[in-house]
């Protein structure tokens, strides 16, 4: 009996070993490679924000009462704050390139002085509004960070002035009218998604932009006040402005939750 039990035990051990040998080694599965997320920059967006700016202007006086022509060149300037709103549309292409069109407006009080060295007068002038329409081209330095340059048309509206003597008190000597100027601008900036520091903000971005605008020269006739011969135009000051602004805006992209573009970073 003992011999029979021993034979059965040996047979079972041999059969188990053979079955284990027939099983192949457990396959090793490599963990998937992490791929950085890609985003869709194509679509409409709106934005609003604010910033600061300054303007400079080349100016001269070219006539005075009596008809004798003079020229005296000078550089004027001013500074202040503004708010801005706008909208645009972007296209993403070639993986990491983004091109778009946009329009915006700035409303504020960038204030400076307009002076007349011949009559010894000075008045306060300000850039009240400006507006622009243009194109931009950018490169995605990261899937959710766009660095770009832009340029296009710019228009502006400037206030009139009441020129008063700078050598003493008294009422205004003459006034200059408000006016509009057209020109062009160039600039650039950075725009990034606000999904940072553990905050989830789908579609929300922040952009910071520098812009420089150049406007046509205009001639501002001075009309004397009633106390100083009202209705007489006796001086003309030219004005050729150049503005620089820096703004920061919140941007909302309507398509940010759409399908991702086919790109790898």
Protein backbone atom coordinates (compact mmCIF):
# COMPACT_ATOMS: atom_id res chain seq x y z
CA UNK A 1 0.00 0.00 0.00
CA UNK A 2 2.81 2.38 0.88
CA UNK A 3 4.43 1.68 -2.47
CA UNK A 4 1.20 2.60 -4.31
CA UNK A 5 0.86 5.93 -2.42
CA UNK A 6 4.50 6.79 -3.13
CA UNK A 7 4.03 6.11 -6.85
CA UNK A 8 0.89 8.31 -7.07
CA UNK A 9 2.65 11.21 -5.26
CA UNK A 10 5.64 11.05 -7.61
CA UNK A 11 3.34 11.05 -10.65
CA UNK A 12 1.45 14.14 -9.43
CA UNK A 13 4.67 16.06 -8.80
CA UNK A 14 6.00 15.23 -12.25
CA UNK A 15 2.74 16.27 -13.97
CA UNK A 16 2.68 19.66 -12.15
CA UNK A 17 6.26 20.44 -13.09
CA UNK A 18 5.59 19.63 -16.74
CA UNK A 19 2.51 21.92 -16.81
CA UNK A 20 4.46 24.79 -15.28
CA UNK A 21 7.19 24.36 -17.86
CA UNK A 22 4.61 24.54 -20.67
CA UNK A 23 3.42 28.00 -19.46
CA UNK A 24 5.36 30.88 -21.01
CA UNK A 25 6.85 33.68 -18.93
CA UNK A 26 4.37 36.45 -18.02
CA UNK A 27 4.59 39.14 -20.69
CA UNK A 28 5.91 42.60 -19.61
CA UNK A 29 3.76 45.55 -20.64
CA UNK A 30 5.54 48.91 -20.89
CA UNK A 31 3.70 51.86 -19.37
CA UNK A 32 2.31 54.26 -22.01
CA UNK A 33 4.41 57.32 -22.77
CA UNK A 34 2.85 60.51 -21.43
CA UNK A 35 1.98 62.96 -24.20
CA UNK A 36 1.61 66.63 -23.43
CA UNK A 37 -1.96 67.84 -24.01
CA UNK A 38 -2.70 69.74 -27.20
CA UNK A 39 -5.23 72.54 -27.49
CA UNK A 40 -7.34 74.11 -30.16
CA UNK A 41 -6.51 77.81 -30.68
CA UNK A 42 -8.81 78.16 -33.69
CA UNK A 43 -11.95 80.17 -32.99
CA UNK A 44 -13.48 83.41 -31.70
CA UNK A 45 -12.47 85.26 -28.54
CA UNK A 46 -13.31 88.45 -26.64
CA UNK A 47 -11.22 90.41 -24.14
CA UNK A 48 -11.22 93.36 -21.78
CA UNK A 49 -8.63 94.99 -19.55
CA UNK A 50 -6.61 98.12 -18.95
CA UNK A 51 -3.17 99.62 -18.85
CA UNK A 52 -1.01 102.69 -19.04
CA UNK A 53 0.39 104.73 -21.87
CA UNK A 54 2.15 107.87 -22.98
CA UNK A 55 2.25 110.03 -26.04
CA UNK A 56 4.85 112.27 -27.62
CA UNK A 57 4.28 114.74 -30.43
CA UNK A 58 6.48 116.79 -32.72
CA UNK A 59 5.04 120.29 -32.92
CA UNK A 60 5.82 123.76 -34.22
CA UNK A 61 4.21 127.19 -34.57
CA UNK A 62 4.03 128.24 -38.20
CA UNK A 63 2.05 131.55 -38.28
CA UNK A 64 1.08 134.44 -36.03
CA UNK A 65 -1.02 137.64 -36.39
CA UNK A 66 0.34 139.89 -39.10
CA UNK A 67 1.06 137.01 -41.45
CA UNK A 68 4.78 136.67 -40.74
CA UNK A 69 5.76 133.00 -40.88
CA UNK A 70 7.92 131.50 -38.14
CA UNK A 71 8.93 127.96 -37.26
CA UNK A 72 9.95 126.71 -33.87
CA UNK A 73 10.11 122.94 -33.39
CA UNK A 74 9.41 121.33 -30.03
CA UNK A 75 8.58 117.93 -28.50
CA UNK A 76 5.41 117.61 -26.41
CA UNK A 77 4.22 114.71 -24.28
CA UNK A 78 1.70 113.22 -21.87
CA UNK A 79 0.85 110.07 -19.90
CA UNK A 80 -2.10 108.35 -18.22
CA UNK A 81 -4.34 105.28 -17.98
CA UNK A 82 -6.96 103.59 -20.16
CA UNK A 83 -9.37 100.66 -20.45
CA UNK A 84 -9.67 98.41 -23.47
CA UNK A 85 -12.18 95.96 -25.03
CA UNK A 86 -11.99 93.91 -28.20
CA UNK A 87 -12.64 90.71 -30.11
CA UNK A 88 -10.93 88.54 -32.70
CA UNK A 89 -10.60 85.23 -34.49
CA UNK A 90 -7.54 82.93 -34.65
CA UNK A 91 -6.47 80.03 -36.87
CA UNK A 92 -3.96 77.43 -35.70
CA UNK A 93 -1.86 75.88 -38.47
CA UNK A 94 1.37 73.97 -38.94
CA UNK A 95 1.14 72.54 -35.43
CA UNK A 96 2.47 75.48 -33.41
CA UNK A 97 1.65 78.58 -35.49
CA UNK A 98 -1.37 80.84 -34.86
CA UNK A 99 -2.59 83.68 -37.11
CA UNK A 100 -5.59 85.91 -36.56
CA UNK A 101 -7.52 89.11 -37.10
CA UNK A 102 -8.85 91.42 -34.37
CA UNK A 103 -10.29 94.80 -33.51
CA UNK A 104 -10.24 96.76 -30.26
CA UNK A 105 -10.83 100.16 -28.67
CA UNK A 106 -9.18 102.08 -25.83
CA UNK A 107 -10.94 104.65 -23.63
CA UNK A 108 -9.07 106.76 -21.14
CA UNK A 109 -7.24 109.88 -20.12
CA UNK A 110 -3.69 110.04 -21.45
CA UNK A 111 -3.14 113.72 -20.79
CA UNK A 112 -0.39 116.18 -21.66
CA UNK A 113 0.24 119.76 -22.77
CA UNK A 114 0.03 121.68 -26.03
CA UNK A 115 2.22 124.79 -25.88
CA UNK A 116 2.73 127.80 -28.13
CA UNK A 117 6.21 129.24 -27.51
CA UNK A 118 5.56 132.37 -29.57
CA UNK A 119 2.53 133.55 -27.57
CA UNK A 120 3.79 131.95 -24.37
CA UNK A 121 0.65 129.87 -23.90
CA UNK A 122 -0.09 126.33 -22.80
CA UNK A 123 -3.23 124.17 -22.68
CA UNK A 124 -4.12 120.67 -21.53
CA UNK A 125 -4.69 118.09 -24.26
CA UNK A 126 -5.60 114.42 -23.91
CA UNK A 127 -5.93 111.31 -26.00
CA UNK A 128 -9.54 110.35 -25.27
CA UNK A 129 -10.11 107.28 -27.45
CA UNK A 130 -8.20 105.14 -29.89
CA UNK A 131 -9.21 102.11 -31.91
CA UNK A 132 -7.42 99.56 -34.05
CA UNK A 133 -7.96 96.74 -36.52
CA UNK A 134 -5.18 94.42 -37.50
CA UNK A 135 -3.60 91.01 -37.82
CA UNK A 136 -1.35 88.99 -35.57
CA UNK A 137 1.03 86.06 -35.99
CA UNK A 138 2.18 83.93 -33.10
CA UNK A 139 4.11 80.82 -32.11
CA UNK A 140 3.13 78.39 -29.34
CA UNK A 141 6.15 78.24 -27.04
CA UNK A 142 4.04 75.77 -25.02
CA UNK A 143 0.67 74.15 -25.83
CA UNK A 144 -1.16 76.83 -23.84
CA UNK A 145 1.24 79.82 -24.22
CA UNK A 146 1.26 82.01 -27.34
CA UNK A 147 3.95 84.58 -28.12
CA UNK A 148 2.90 86.94 -30.94
CA UNK A 149 3.49 90.13 -32.93
CA UNK A 150 0.73 92.28 -34.43
CA UNK A 151 0.15 95.34 -36.57
CA UNK A 152 -2.42 97.25 -38.59
CA UNK A 153 -4.57 100.40 -38.75
CA UNK A 154 -5.15 102.73 -35.79
CA UNK A 155 -7.37 105.77 -35.33
CA UNK A 156 -7.52 108.27 -32.46
CA UNK A 157 -9.57 111.15 -31.07
CA UNK A 158 -7.91 114.06 -29.22
CA UNK A 159 -9.48 116.79 -27.11
CA UNK A 160 -9.32 120.49 -27.87
CA UNK A 161 -7.44 122.95 -25.62
CA UNK A 162 -7.85 126.35 -24.04
CA UNK A 163 -4.50 128.09 -24.30
CA UNK A 164 -3.63 130.35 -21.36
CA UNK A 165 -0.54 132.43 -20.78
CA UNK A 166 2.26 130.77 -18.82
CA UNK A 167 3.67 134.15 -17.72
CA UNK A 168 0.77 135.08 -15.49
CA UNK A 169 -2.90 134.49 -14.67
CA UNK A 170 -5.87 135.52 -16.73
CA UNK A 171 -8.46 133.95 -18.96
CA UNK A 172 -7.66 131.74 -21.90
CA UNK A 173 -6.14 133.59 -24.83
CA UNK A 174 -7.30 131.25 -27.58
CA UNK A 175 -8.66 127.74 -28.15
CA UNK A 176 -7.79 124.86 -30.45
CA UNK A 177 -10.39 122.35 -31.71
CA UNK A 178 -10.68 118.64 -30.98
CA UNK A 179 -9.52 116.43 -33.84
CA UNK A 180 -9.12 112.88 -35.15
CA UNK A 181 -5.94 111.32 -36.49
CA UNK A 182 -5.35 108.12 -38.46
CA UNK A 183 -2.22 106.03 -38.59
CA UNK A 184 -0.76 102.56 -38.06
CA UNK A 185 0.54 100.49 -35.16
CA UNK A 186 2.93 97.64 -34.41
CA UNK A 187 3.28 95.62 -31.23
CA UNK A 188 3.42 92.21 -29.63
CA UNK A 189 2.68 90.24 -26.49
CA UNK A 190 2.15 86.94 -24.70
CA UNK A 191 -1.15 85.12 -24.09
CA UNK A 192 -1.49 82.14 -21.75
CA UNK A 193 -4.22 79.87 -20.41
CA UNK A 194 -5.17 80.38 -16.73
CA UNK A 195 -5.14 76.66 -15.84
CA UNK A 196 -2.23 77.19 -13.45
CA UNK A 197 -1.47 76.64 -9.77
CA UNK A 198 -4.13 73.94 -9.59
CA UNK A 199 -6.87 76.30 -10.80
CA UNK A 200 -9.15 75.06 -13.57
CA UNK A 201 -10.40 77.88 -15.82
CA UNK A 202 -11.51 76.40 -19.16
CA UNK A 203 -11.46 78.99 -21.92
CA UNK A 204 -9.98 81.79 -19.79
CA UNK A 205 -6.68 83.39 -20.74
CA UNK A 206 -4.59 86.42 -19.83
CA UNK A 207 -2.60 88.48 -22.32
CA UNK A 208 -0.09 91.29 -21.85
CA UNK A 209 0.66 93.45 -24.88
CA UNK A 210 2.86 96.37 -25.90
CA UNK A 211 1.75 98.63 -28.75
CA UNK A 212 3.29 101.62 -30.55
CA UNK A 213 1.08 103.77 -32.84
CA UNK A 214 2.12 106.51 -35.27
CA UNK A 215 -0.37 109.15 -36.48
CA UNK A 216 -0.47 111.75 -39.26
CA UNK A 217 0.44 115.38 -38.64
CA UNK A 218 -2.35 117.93 -38.29
CA UNK A 219 -2.48 121.72 -38.05
CA UNK A 220 -4.53 123.19 -35.19
CA UNK A 221 -5.72 126.76 -35.84
CA UNK A 222 -5.98 128.93 -32.76
CA UNK A 223 -9.21 130.92 -32.39
CA UNK A 224 -8.89 133.86 -30.00
CA UNK A 225 -11.42 134.27 -27.18
CA UNK A 226 -13.83 137.26 -27.20
CA UNK A 227 -11.73 139.16 -24.68
CA UNK A 228 -8.75 138.83 -26.99
CA UNK A 229 -10.34 139.47 -30.35
CA UNK A 230 -12.79 136.61 -30.62
CA UNK A 231 -13.25 134.95 -33.98
CA UNK A 232 -9.76 135.79 -35.22
CA UNK A 233 -7.44 132.95 -36.16
CA UNK A 234 -4.01 134.19 -35.34
CA UNK A 235 -1.76 131.17 -34.75
CA UNK A 236 -1.44 127.61 -36.01
CA UNK A 237 0.29 124.82 -34.11
CA UNK A 238 1.16 121.54 -35.83
CA UNK A 239 0.83 118.25 -33.99
CA UNK A 240 2.21 114.82 -35.02
CA UNK A 241 1.58 112.28 -32.23
CA UNK A 242 3.16 108.95 -31.40
CA UNK A 243 1.69 106.76 -28.62
CA UNK A 244 3.00 103.80 -26.63
CA UNK A 245 0.79 101.60 -24.44
CA UNK A 246 1.09 98.48 -22.27
CA UNK A 247 -2.09 96.60 -21.35
CA UNK A 248 -3.15 93.43 -19.55
CA UNK A 249 -6.48 91.80 -20.46
CA UNK A 250 -8.62 88.80 -19.58
CA UNK A 251 -9.49 86.76 -22.68
CA UNK A 252 -12.31 84.27 -23.14
CA UNK A 253 -12.05 81.72 -25.97
CA UNK A 254 -15.37 80.19 -26.98
CA UNK A 255 -13.90 77.06 -28.57
CA UNK A 256 -11.29 76.06 -25.98
CA UNK A 257 -13.24 72.95 -24.95
CA UNK A 258 -13.47 71.70 -28.55
CA UNK A 259 -11.53 68.83 -30.11
CA UNK A 260 -7.75 69.09 -29.83
CA UNK A 261 -5.65 69.77 -32.89
CA UNK A 262 -3.29 67.12 -34.24
CA UNK A 263 0.02 68.31 -32.86
CA UNK A 264 2.74 67.00 -30.57
CA UNK A 265 4.92 69.16 -28.33
